[in-house]
Amino acid sequence: MTIGFQDRVVIVTGAGNGLGRCHALEFARRGAKVVVNDFGGARDGTGTSQSPAEAVVAEIVDAGGEAIANAANVTDFDQCTAMAAEAMERWGRIDVLVNNAGILRDKSFAKMDPALWRPVVDVHLNGSANCSMAVWNIMREQNYGRIVMTTSTSGVYGNFGQSNYGAAKMGLVGLMNTLCIEGMRNNIRINCLAPTAATRMTEDVLAPEMLAALDPQFVTPAAVFLSGEDAPNRTVLFAGAGTYSAMQIRESKGIYLDDSERNAEAIAENFDKILDFGEADSFVHGGEHVQKILQNAMLNRKN
């Protein structure tokens, strides 16, 4: 099965370098019309230039594809809306959004301050929300849409010095979970991609041989798969160095404590049972967890 994007319109943010550039080039190679978005800032988000986006557009056009450059700052909702409007005016639809734009301002939490925290959360989490809002009603009206959020192992597992980055990246998993529910009736599917790749954000922390193994081009197949017509929904897909794996969100079956036992000591005494994932539950919305605990309460009160 070939995953094609003929007559599809794809927006890729942060597409002037690294992962975003690889994504944009591959979507174009597969027939997509591509909005190459890049604010053109440095790794920490400072500065601006449209040159990186224009260079990627030139590559696409030289190869026979169709693309436009866009320098919207994803932290500015009005600029994101204008980017979507430009795509609609040019091509009349938006089928795929890949939220890839990102910056780093690493510091241990002891040295973290709001000036380092807020811009990272603003670009990764709020920026992805801004772009998704800008295309959401367009996708609803056409009853088709695919959105890829770029999360990270720093969010899923944690990473020293990246509390700001990790918090934003795990926030995107939460955003995905709700948008999947709200977009289902309009055939809008949302997934998360957790890449491990050699980019500007990793070039000074990895050895040369590791950088070679982590070529961004090995991540792009996952982005393409998550953006296709037959894409899954609500999947967190890890990709890097040729390994592709998925994450599950589960909760243990847990225990029920009678009124007289609901204290910290009883939880401590039964903590091993609480941590038993032998019969774990997997839910698709928060209401299912509420239903579970209420059913436990009603059943045990009857008994």
C-alpha atoms as a PDB file:
ATOM      1  CA  MET A   1       0.000   0.000   0.000  1.00  0.00           C
ATOM      2  CA  THR A   2       1.378   3.388  -1.032  1.00  0.00           C
ATOM      3  CA  ILE A   3       0.577   6.355   1.185  1.00  0.00           C
ATOM      4  CA  GLY A   4       0.014   9.273  -1.162  1.00  0.00           C
ATOM      5  CA  PHE A   5      -0.920  12.929  -0.722  1.00  0.00           C
ATOM      6  CA  GLN A   6      -1.949  13.889  -4.231  1.00  0.00           C
ATOM      7  CA  ASP A   7      -4.190  16.986  -4.072  1.00  0.00           C
ATOM      8  CA  ARG A   8      -3.698  17.144  -0.292  1.00  0.00           C
ATOM      9  CA  VAL A   9      -2.519  20.332   1.418  1.00  0.00           C
ATOM     10  CA  VAL A  10      -0.043  19.905   4.263  1.00  0.00           C
ATOM     11  CA  ILE A  11       1.224  22.502   6.741  1.00  0.00           C
ATOM     12  CA  VAL A  12       4.519  21.677   8.465  1.00  0.00           C
ATOM     13  CA  THR A  13       5.674  24.081  11.168  1.00  0.00           C
ATOM     14  CA  GLY A  14       9.345  24.508  11.952  1.00  0.00           C
ATOM     15  CA  ALA A  15      10.075  23.159   8.472  1.00  0.00           C
ATOM     16  CA  GLY A  16      13.138  25.229   7.628  1.00  0.00           C
ATOM     17  CA  ASN A  17      15.621  22.779   9.143  1.00  0.00           C
ATOM     18  CA  GLY A  18      16.013  19.311  10.606  1.00  0.00           C
ATOM     19  CA  LEU A  19      12.943  17.171  11.097  1.00  0.00           C
ATOM     20  CA  GLY A  20      10.521  19.700   9.655  1.00  0.00           C
ATOM     21  CA  ARG A  21      12.538  20.057   6.475  1.00  0.00           C
ATOM     22  CA  CYS A  22      12.651  16.267   6.023  1.00  0.00           C
ATOM     23  CA  HIS A  23       8.903  16.060   6.599  1.00  0.00           C
ATOM     24  CA  ALA A  24       8.115  18.841   4.121  1.00  0.00           C
ATOM     25  CA  LEU A  25      10.309  17.383   1.387  1.00  0.00           C
ATOM     26  CA  GLU A  26       8.788  13.910   1.772  1.00  0.00           C
ATOM     27  CA  PHE A  27       5.206  15.150   1.750  1.00  0.00           C
ATOM     28  CA  ALA A  28       5.971  17.086  -1.432  1.00  0.00           C
ATOM     29  CA  ARG A  29       7.619  14.037  -2.988  1.00  0.00           C
ATOM     30  CA  ARG A  30       4.407  12.140  -2.306  1.00  0.00           C
ATOM     31  CA  GLY A  31       2.301  14.733  -4.129  1.00  0.00           C
ATOM     32  CA  ALA A  32       1.275  17.162  -1.380  1.00  0.00           C
ATOM     33  CA  LYS A  33       1.077  20.908  -1.711  1.00  0.00           C
ATOM     34  CA  VAL A  34       3.122  22.092   1.255  1.00  0.00           C
ATOM     35  CA  VAL A  35       3.091  25.168   3.455  1.00  0.00           C
ATOM     36  CA  VAL A  36       6.672  25.359   4.707  1.00  0.00           C
ATOM     37  CA  ASN A  37       6.383  27.310   7.936  1.00  0.00           C
ATOM     38  CA  ASP A  38       9.442  28.532   9.792  1.00  0.00           C
ATOM     39  CA  PHE A  39       9.906  31.594  11.958  1.00  0.00           C
ATOM     40  CA  GLY A  40      13.605  31.365  11.197  1.00  0.00           C
ATOM     41  CA  GLY A  41      14.800  31.753  14.761  1.00  0.00           C
ATOM     42  CA  ALA A  42      17.834  30.260  16.476  1.00  0.00           C
ATOM     43  CA  ARG A  43      17.612  27.107  18.588  1.00  0.00           C
ATOM     44  CA  ASP A  44      16.511  29.132  21.610  1.00  0.00           C
ATOM     45  CA  GLY A  45      13.832  30.926  19.587  1.00  0.00           C
ATOM     46  CA  THR A  46      15.614  34.270  19.213  1.00  0.00           C
ATOM     47  CA  GLY A  47      15.871  36.086  15.896  1.00  0.00           C
ATOM     48  CA  THR A  48      13.816  35.615  12.746  1.00  0.00           C
ATOM     49  CA  SER A  49      14.394  34.964   9.052  1.00  0.00           C
ATOM     50  CA  GLN A  50      12.284  33.578   6.216  1.00  0.00           C
ATOM     51  CA  SER A  51      15.384  32.282   4.402  1.00  0.00           C
ATOM     52  CA  PRO A  52      15.244  28.704   5.805  1.00  0.00           C
ATOM     53  CA  ALA A  53      11.609  28.252   4.722  1.00  0.00           C
ATOM     54  CA  GLU A  54      12.298  29.777   1.298  1.00  0.00           C
ATOM     55  CA  ALA A  55      15.255  27.439   0.787  1.00  0.00           C
ATOM     56  CA  VAL A  56      13.069  24.388   1.448  1.00  0.00           C
ATOM     57  CA  VAL A  57      10.396  25.718  -0.908  1.00  0.00           C
ATOM     58  CA  ALA A  58      13.052  26.133  -3.585  1.00  0.00           C
ATOM     59  CA  GLU A  59      14.073  22.487  -3.124  1.00  0.00           C
ATOM     60  CA  ILE A  60      10.465  21.366  -3.512  1.00  0.00           C
ATOM     61  CA  VAL A  61       9.796  23.528  -6.564  1.00  0.00           C
ATOM     62  CA  ASP A  62      13.058  22.480  -8.229  1.00  0.00           C
ATOM     63  CA  ALA A  63      11.936  18.861  -7.824  1.00  0.00           C
ATOM     64  CA  GLY A  64       8.629  19.617  -9.555  1.00  0.00           C
ATOM     65  CA  GLY A  65       6.500  20.104  -6.453  1.00  0.00           C
ATOM     66  CA  GLU A  66       4.342  22.909  -5.182  1.00  0.00           C
ATOM     67  CA  ALA A  67       4.972  24.805  -1.944  1.00  0.00           C
ATOM     68  CA  ILE A  68       4.838  28.216  -0.307  1.00  0.00           C
ATOM     69  CA  ALA A  69       6.981  29.672   2.464  1.00  0.00           C
ATOM     70  CA  ASN A  70       5.428  31.103   5.592  1.00  0.00           C
ATOM     71  CA  ALA A  71       7.160  32.823   8.510  1.00  0.00           C
ATOM     72  CA  ALA A  72       4.302  32.826  11.030  1.00  0.00           C
ATOM     73  CA  ASN A  73       5.326  32.712  14.674  1.00  0.00           C
ATOM     74  CA  VAL A  74       3.296  29.815  16.087  1.00  0.00           C
ATOM     75  CA  THR A  75       2.981  31.593  19.449  1.00  0.00           C
ATOM     76  CA  ASP A  76       0.891  34.289  17.723  1.00  0.00           C
ATOM     77  CA  PHE A  77      -2.642  33.025  17.073  1.00  0.00           C
ATOM     78  CA  ASP A  78      -3.407  35.761  14.530  1.00  0.00           C
ATOM     79  CA  GLN A  79      -0.342  34.813  12.498  1.00  0.00           C
ATOM     80  CA  CYS A  80      -1.397  31.144  12.601  1.00  0.00           C
ATOM     81  CA  THR A  81      -4.866  32.073  11.398  1.00  0.00           C
ATOM     82  CA  ALA A  82      -3.357  34.136   8.597  1.00  0.00           C
ATOM     83  CA  MET A  83      -1.180  31.161   7.596  1.00  0.00           C
ATOM     84  CA  ALA A  84      -4.255  28.936   7.344  1.00  0.00           C
ATOM     85  CA  ALA A  85      -6.088  31.638   5.370  1.00  0.00           C
ATOM     86  CA  GLU A  86      -3.179  31.889   2.929  1.00  0.00           C
ATOM     87  CA  ALA A  87      -3.278  28.128   2.341  1.00  0.00           C
ATOM     88  CA  MET A  88      -7.037  28.232   1.818  1.00  0.00           C
ATOM     89  CA  GLU A  89      -6.789  31.134  -0.625  1.00  0.00           C
ATOM     90  CA  ARG A  90      -4.062  29.341  -2.570  1.00  0.00           C
ATOM     91  CA  TRP A  91      -5.388  25.772  -2.564  1.00  0.00           C
ATOM     92  CA  GLY A  92      -8.886  25.766  -1.050  1.00  0.00           C
ATOM     93  CA  ARG A  93      -8.330  23.175   1.683  1.00  0.00           C
ATOM     94  CA  ILE A  94      -6.023  22.033   4.482  1.00  0.00           C
ATOM     95  CA  ASP A  95      -5.720  18.289   5.019  1.00  0.00           C
ATOM     96  CA  VAL A  96      -2.734  17.803   7.310  1.00  0.00           C
ATOM     97  CA  LEU A  97      -1.057  19.822  10.040  1.00  0.00           C
ATOM     98  CA  VAL A  98       2.268  18.664  11.443  1.00  0.00           C
ATOM     99  CA  ASN A  99       3.054  20.647  14.588  1.00  0.00           C
ATOM    100  CA  ASN A 100       6.840  20.405  14.565  1.00  0.00           C
ATOM    101  CA  ALA A 101       8.110  23.874  15.562  1.00  0.00           C
ATOM    102  CA  GLY A 102      10.178  23.921  18.722  1.00  0.00           C
ATOM    103  CA  ILE A 103      12.870  25.623  20.765  1.00  0.00           C
ATOM    104  CA  LEU A 104      15.076  24.683  23.726  1.00  0.00           C
ATOM    105  CA  ARG A 105      16.084  26.644  26.809  1.00  0.00           C
ATOM    106  CA  ASP A 106      17.522  23.942  29.042  1.00  0.00           C
ATOM    107  CA  LYS A 107      18.332  24.500  32.710  1.00  0.00           C
ATOM    108  CA  SER A 108      18.037  22.407  35.843  1.00  0.00           C
ATOM    109  CA  PHE A 109      14.889  23.272  37.778  1.00  0.00           C
ATOM    110  CA  ALA A 110      17.001  24.872  40.517  1.00  0.00           C
ATOM    111  CA  LYS A 111      18.128  27.433  37.929  1.00  0.00           C
ATOM    112  CA  MET A 112      14.880  27.607  35.956  1.00  0.00           C
ATOM    113  CA  ASP A 113      12.995  30.891  35.849  1.00  0.00           C
ATOM    114  CA  PRO A 114       9.894  32.137  33.997  1.00  0.00           C
ATOM    115  CA  ALA A 115      12.003  33.683  31.240  1.00  0.00           C
ATOM    116  CA  LEU A 116      13.242  30.195  30.379  1.00  0.00           C
ATOM    117  CA  TRP A 117      10.020  28.326  31.143  1.00  0.00           C
ATOM    118  CA  ARG A 118       7.378  30.354  29.344  1.00  0.00           C
ATOM    119  CA  PRO A 119       8.852  30.617  25.826  1.00  0.00           C
ATOM    120  CA  VAL A 120       9.394  26.840  25.612  1.00  0.00           C
ATOM    121  CA  VAL A 121       5.861  26.048  26.769  1.00  0.00           C
ATOM    122  CA  ASP A 122       4.536  28.796  24.507  1.00  0.00           C
ATOM    123  CA  VAL A 123       6.162  27.430  21.352  1.00  0.00           C
ATOM    124  CA  HIS A 124       5.631  23.707  21.887  1.00  0.00           C
ATOM    125  CA  LEU A 125       2.259  23.547  23.650  1.00  0.00           C
ATOM    126  CA  ASN A 126       0.527  26.844  22.946  1.00  0.00           C
ATOM    127  CA  GLY A 127       2.005  27.008  19.443  1.00  0.00           C
ATOM    128  CA  SER A 128       0.611  23.585  18.591  1.00  0.00           C
ATOM    129  CA  ALA A 129      -2.759  24.613  20.026  1.00  0.00           C
ATOM    130  CA  ASN A 130      -2.741  27.874  18.037  1.00  0.00           C
ATOM    131  CA  CYS A 131      -2.045  26.112  14.751  1.00  0.00           C
ATOM    132  CA  SER A 132      -4.580  23.395  15.501  1.00  0.00           C
ATOM    133  CA  MET A 133      -7.241  26.005  16.310  1.00  0.00           C
ATOM    134  CA  ALA A 134      -6.437  27.795  13.063  1.00  0.00           C
ATOM    135  CA  VAL A 135      -7.192  24.702  10.962  1.00  0.00           C
ATOM    136  CA  TRP A 136      -9.781  22.951  13.166  1.00  0.00           C
ATOM    137  CA  ASN A 137     -13.002  24.383  11.738  1.00  0.00           C
ATOM    138  CA  ILE A 138     -11.644  24.099   8.212  1.00  0.00           C
ATOM    139  CA  MET A 139     -11.101  20.385   8.793  1.00  0.00           C
ATOM    140  CA  ARG A 140     -14.515  20.033  10.424  1.00  0.00           C
ATOM    141  CA  GLU A 141     -16.273  21.636   7.465  1.00  0.00           C
ATOM    142  CA  GLN A 142     -14.503  19.417   4.938  1.00  0.00           C
ATOM    143  CA  ASN A 143     -14.986  16.338   7.196  1.00  0.00           C
ATOM    144  CA  TYR A 144     -11.348  15.414   6.911  1.00  0.00           C
ATOM    145  CA  GLY A 145      -8.184  16.248   8.776  1.00  0.00           C
ATOM    146  CA  ARG A 146      -4.998  14.777  10.160  1.00  0.00           C
ATOM    147  CA  ILE A 147      -2.987  16.492  12.908  1.00  0.00           C
ATOM    148  CA  VAL A 148       0.378  15.312  14.221  1.00  0.00           C
ATOM    149  CA  MET A 149       1.643  16.671  17.526  1.00  0.00           C
ATOM    150  CA  THR A 150       5.373  16.350  18.133  1.00  0.00           C
ATOM    151  CA  THR A 151       5.865  15.067  21.665  1.00  0.00           C
ATOM    152  CA  SER A 152       9.103  13.737  23.180  1.00  0.00           C
ATOM    153  CA  THR A 153      10.637  11.129  25.441  1.00  0.00           C
ATOM    154  CA  SER A 154      11.555  14.103  27.629  1.00  0.00           C
ATOM    155  CA  GLY A 155       7.857  14.450  28.343  1.00  0.00           C
ATOM    156  CA  VAL A 156       6.976  10.768  28.538  1.00  0.00           C
ATOM    157  CA  TYR A 157       9.997   9.709  30.624  1.00  0.00           C
ATOM    158  CA  GLY A 158      11.683  12.932  31.729  1.00  0.00           C
ATOM    159  CA  ASN A 159      15.152  14.311  31.052  1.00  0.00           C
ATOM    160  CA  PHE A 160      17.483  16.269  33.329  1.00  0.00           C
ATOM    161  CA  GLY A 161      17.420  19.997  32.635  1.00  0.00           C
ATOM    162  CA  GLN A 162      14.259  19.887  30.511  1.00  0.00           C
ATOM    163  CA  SER A 163      11.391  20.452  32.924  1.00  0.00           C
ATOM    164  CA  ASN A 164       9.983  23.204  30.683  1.00  0.00           C
ATOM    165  CA  TYR A 165      10.338  21.156  27.499  1.00  0.00           C
ATOM    166  CA  GLY A 166       9.098  17.939  29.104  1.00  0.00           C
ATOM    167  CA  ALA A 167       6.023  19.598  30.609  1.00  0.00           C
ATOM    168  CA  ALA A 168       5.085  21.116  27.252  1.00  0.00           C
ATOM    169  CA  LYS A 169       5.659  17.871  25.379  1.00  0.00           C
ATOM    170  CA  MET A 170       3.533  15.791  27.753  1.00  0.00           C
ATOM    171  CA  GLY A 171       0.873  18.482  27.544  1.00  0.00           C
ATOM    172  CA  LEU A 172       0.594  17.677  23.848  1.00  0.00           C
ATOM    173  CA  VAL A 173      -0.415  14.096  24.695  1.00  0.00           C
ATOM    174  CA  GLY A 174      -3.246  15.513  26.783  1.00  0.00           C
ATOM    175  CA  LEU A 175      -4.242  17.844  23.936  1.00  0.00           C
ATOM    176  CA  MET A 176      -4.287  14.893  21.529  1.00  0.00           C
ATOM    177  CA  ASN A 177      -6.486  12.837  23.850  1.00  0.00           C
ATOM    178  CA  THR A 178      -9.235  15.452  23.932  1.00  0.00           C
ATOM    179  CA  LEU A 179      -9.041  16.469  20.276  1.00  0.00           C
ATOM    180  CA  CYS A 180      -9.396  12.831  19.238  1.00  0.00           C
ATOM    181  CA  ILE A 181     -12.743  12.720  21.019  1.00  0.00           C
ATOM    182  CA  GLU A 182     -13.936  16.039  19.626  1.00  0.00           C
ATOM    183  CA  GLY A 183     -12.750  15.383  16.064  1.00  0.00           C
ATOM    184  CA  MET A 184     -14.020  11.844  15.654  1.00  0.00           C
ATOM    185  CA  ARG A 185     -17.387  12.664  14.089  1.00  0.00           C
ATOM    186  CA  ASN A 186     -15.692  14.830  11.442  1.00  0.00           C
ATOM    187  CA  ASN A 187     -13.004  12.313  10.477  1.00  0.00           C
ATOM    188  CA  ILE A 188     -10.235  14.324  12.113  1.00  0.00           C
ATOM    189  CA  ARG A 189      -7.545  12.054  13.499  1.00  0.00           C
ATOM    190  CA  ILE A 190      -4.849  13.258  15.874  1.00  0.00           C
ATOM    191  CA  ASN A 191      -1.665  11.425  16.807  1.00  0.00           C
ATOM    192  CA  CYS A 192       1.613  12.186  18.546  1.00  0.00           C
ATOM    193  CA  LEU A 193       5.076  11.578  17.132  1.00  0.00           C
ATOM    194  CA  ALA A 194       7.950  11.204  19.613  1.00  0.00           C
ATOM    195  CA  PRO A 195      11.106  11.591  17.501  1.00  0.00           C
ATOM    196  CA  THR A 196      14.704  10.960  18.431  1.00  0.00           C
ATOM    197  CA  ALA A 197      16.853  12.641  15.807  1.00  0.00           C
ATOM    198  CA  ALA A 198      20.006  14.637  15.271  1.00  0.00           C
ATOM    199  CA  THR A 199      18.861  18.219  14.862  1.00  0.00           C
ATOM    200  CA  ARG A 200      20.000  21.668  15.960  1.00  0.00           C
ATOM    201  CA  MET A 201      18.526  20.832  19.348  1.00  0.00           C
ATOM    202  CA  THR A 202      20.698  17.721  19.847  1.00  0.00           C
ATOM    203  CA  GLU A 203      23.870  18.402  17.870  1.00  0.00           C
ATOM    204  CA  ASP A 204      25.946  19.470  20.877  1.00  0.00           C
ATOM    205  CA  VAL A 205      24.895  16.685  23.262  1.00  0.00           C
ATOM    206  CA  LEU A 206      25.529  13.551  21.158  1.00  0.00           C
ATOM    207  CA  ALA A 207      28.666  11.891  19.788  1.00  0.00           C
ATOM    208  CA  PRO A 208      29.264  11.997  15.986  1.00  0.00           C
ATOM    209  CA  GLU A 209      28.487   8.299  15.461  1.00  0.00           C
ATOM    210  CA  MET A 210      25.232   8.693  17.365  1.00  0.00           C
ATOM    211  CA  LEU A 211      24.308  11.728  15.310  1.00  0.00           C
ATOM    212  CA  ALA A 212      24.780   9.696  12.129  1.00  0.00           C
ATOM    213  CA  ALA A 213      22.486   6.946  13.400  1.00  0.00           C
ATOM    214  CA  LEU A 214      19.862   9.520  14.324  1.00  0.00           C
ATOM    215  CA  ASP A 215      19.398  11.081  10.893  1.00  0.00           C
ATOM    216  CA  PRO A 216      16.041  12.938  10.827  1.00  0.00           C
ATOM    217  CA  GLN A 217      15.089  11.137   7.618  1.00  0.00           C
ATOM    218  CA  PHE A 218      14.503   7.996   9.699  1.00  0.00           C
ATOM    219  CA  VAL A 219      11.755   9.778  11.662  1.00  0.00           C
ATOM    220  CA  THR A 220       9.857  11.173   8.686  1.00  0.00           C
ATOM    221  CA  PRO A 221       8.252   7.830   7.657  1.00  0.00           C
ATOM    222  CA  ALA A 222       6.403   7.875  10.983  1.00  0.00           C
ATOM    223  CA  ALA A 223       5.163  11.426  10.384  1.00  0.00           C
ATOM    224  CA  VAL A 224       3.934  10.422   6.928  1.00  0.00           C
ATOM    225  CA  PHE A 225       2.167   7.323   8.259  1.00  0.00           C
ATOM    226  CA  LEU A 226       0.407   9.308  10.999  1.00  0.00           C
ATOM    227  CA  SER A 227      -0.776  11.832   8.397  1.00  0.00           C
ATOM    228  CA  GLY A 228      -2.199   9.419   5.834  1.00  0.00           C
ATOM    229  CA  GLU A 229      -5.822   8.711   4.978  1.00  0.00           C
ATOM    230  CA  ASP A 230      -5.689   5.413   6.901  1.00  0.00           C
ATOM    231  CA  ALA A 231      -3.809   6.887   9.862  1.00  0.00           C
ATOM    232  CA  PRO A 232      -4.624   5.575  13.330  1.00  0.00           C
ATOM    233  CA  ASN A 233      -6.170   7.809  15.959  1.00  0.00           C
ATOM    234  CA  ARG A 234      -4.773   8.642  19.398  1.00  0.00           C
ATOM    235  CA  THR A 235      -1.428   6.922  18.919  1.00  0.00           C
ATOM    236  CA  VAL A 236       1.892   7.986  20.411  1.00  0.00           C
ATOM    237  CA  LEU A 237       4.508   6.679  17.988  1.00  0.00           C
ATOM    238  CA  PHE A 238       8.215   6.736  18.859  1.00  0.00           C
ATOM    239  CA  ALA A 239      10.634   6.921  15.937  1.00  0.00           C
ATOM    240  CA  GLY A 240      14.412   7.127  15.685  1.00  0.00           C
ATOM    241  CA  ALA A 241      17.465   5.325  14.284  1.00  0.00           C
ATOM    242  CA  GLY A 242      15.248   2.746  12.585  1.00  0.00           C
ATOM    243  CA  THR A 243      13.233   1.763  15.649  1.00  0.00           C
ATOM    244  CA  TYR A 244       9.491   2.434  15.748  1.00  0.00           C
ATOM    245  CA  SER A 245       7.423   1.713  18.862  1.00  0.00           C
ATOM    246  CA  ALA A 246       4.189   2.840  20.467  1.00  0.00           C
ATOM    247  CA  MET A 247       3.102   3.967  23.910  1.00  0.00           C
ATOM    248  CA  GLN A 248       0.048   2.867  25.867  1.00  0.00           C
ATOM    249  CA  ILE A 249      -1.698   4.793  28.626  1.00  0.00           C
ATOM    250  CA  ARG A 250      -3.056   2.284  31.158  1.00  0.00           C
ATOM    251  CA  GLU A 251      -4.150   2.254  34.748  1.00  0.00           C
ATOM    252  CA  SER A 252      -4.081  -0.635  37.171  1.00  0.00           C
ATOM    253  CA  LYS A 253      -7.294  -2.366  38.176  1.00  0.00           C
ATOM    254  CA  GLY A 254      -6.682  -0.986  41.636  1.00  0.00           C
ATOM    255  CA  ILE A 255      -8.374  -1.844  44.922  1.00  0.00           C
ATOM    256  CA  TYR A 256     -11.518  -0.735  46.721  1.00  0.00           C
ATOM    257  CA  LEU A 257     -11.302   0.404  50.329  1.00  0.00           C
ATOM    258  CA  ASP A 258     -14.317   0.540  52.641  1.00  0.00           C
ATOM    259  CA  ASP A 259     -15.114   3.820  54.388  1.00  0.00           C
ATOM    260  CA  SER A 260     -13.286   2.790  57.545  1.00  0.00           C
ATOM    261  CA  GLU A 261     -10.126   1.882  55.571  1.00  0.00           C
ATOM    262  CA  ARG A 262      -9.754   5.065  53.531  1.00  0.00           C
ATOM    263  CA  ASN A 263      -6.588   6.362  55.100  1.00  0.00           C
ATOM    264  CA  ALA A 264      -2.955   6.781  54.133  1.00  0.00           C
ATOM    265  CA  GLU A 265      -1.885   3.725  56.128  1.00  0.00           C
ATOM    266  CA  ALA A 266      -4.269   1.437  54.233  1.00  0.00           C
ATOM    267  CA  ILE A 267      -2.973   2.764  50.930  1.00  0.00           C
ATOM    268  CA  ALA A 268       0.610   2.112  52.056  1.00  0.00           C
ATOM    269  CA  GLU A 269      -0.298  -1.411  53.176  1.00  0.00           C
ATOM    270  CA  ASN A 270      -1.976  -2.202  49.842  1.00  0.00           C
ATOM    271  CA  PHE A 271       0.353  -0.266  47.553  1.00  0.00           C
ATOM    272  CA  ASP A 272       1.740  -3.406  45.883  1.00  0.00           C
ATOM    273  CA  LYS A 273      -1.813  -4.389  44.916  1.00  0.00           C
ATOM    274  CA  ILE A 274      -2.504  -0.890  43.611  1.00  0.00           C
ATOM    275  CA  LEU A 275       0.607  -1.185  41.414  1.00  0.00           C
ATOM    276  CA  ASP A 276      -0.451  -4.560  39.970  1.00  0.00           C
ATOM    277  CA  PHE A 277      -0.926  -4.084  36.216  1.00  0.00           C
ATOM    278  CA  GLY A 278      -1.780  -7.731  35.559  1.00  0.00           C
ATOM    279  CA  GLU A 279      -5.325  -6.760  34.566  1.00  0.00           C
ATOM    280  CA  ALA A 280      -4.828  -3.160  33.542  1.00  0.00           C
ATOM    281  CA  ASP A 281      -7.579  -0.936  32.131  1.00  0.00           C
ATOM    282  CA  SER A 282      -7.219   1.159  28.978  1.00  0.00           C
ATOM    283  CA  PHE A 283      -9.707   3.989  28.538  1.00  0.00           C
ATOM    284  CA  VAL A 284     -10.392   6.418  25.701  1.00  0.00           C
ATOM    285  CA  HIS A 285     -11.935   9.245  27.736  1.00  0.00           C
ATOM    286  CA  GLY A 286     -11.939  10.387  31.331  1.00  0.00           C
ATOM    287  CA  GLY A 287     -15.565   9.468  31.852  1.00  0.00           C
ATOM    288  CA  GLU A 288     -14.677   5.786  31.638  1.00  0.00           C
ATOM    289  CA  HIS A 289     -12.455   6.103  34.698  1.00  0.00           C
ATOM    290  CA  VAL A 290     -15.253   7.881  36.564  1.00  0.00           C
ATOM    291  CA  GLN A 291     -17.644   5.092  35.561  1.00  0.00           C
ATOM    292  CA  LYS A 292     -15.161   2.492  36.824  1.00  0.00           C
ATOM    293  CA  ILE A 293     -14.805   3.965  40.290  1.00  0.00           C
ATOM    294  CA  LEU A 294     -18.544   4.624  40.669  1.00  0.00           C
ATOM    295  CA  GLN A 295     -19.337   1.057  39.640  1.00  0.00           C
ATOM    296  CA  ASN A 296     -16.838  -0.167  42.249  1.00  0.00           C
ATOM    297  CA  ALA A 297     -18.514   2.001  44.870  1.00  0.00           C
ATOM    298  CA  MET A 298     -22.052   0.879  43.996  1.00  0.00           C
ATOM    299  CA  LEU A 299     -21.104  -2.798  43.772  1.00  0.00           C
ATOM    300  CA  ASN A 300     -19.297  -2.789  47.108  1.00  0.00           C
ATOM    301  CA  ARG A 301     -22.052  -0.853  48.882  1.00  0.00           C
ATOM    302  CA  LYS A 302     -24.580  -3.480  47.743  1.00  0.00           C
ATOM    303  CA  ASN A 303     -22.328  -6.214  49.072  1.00  0.00           C
END
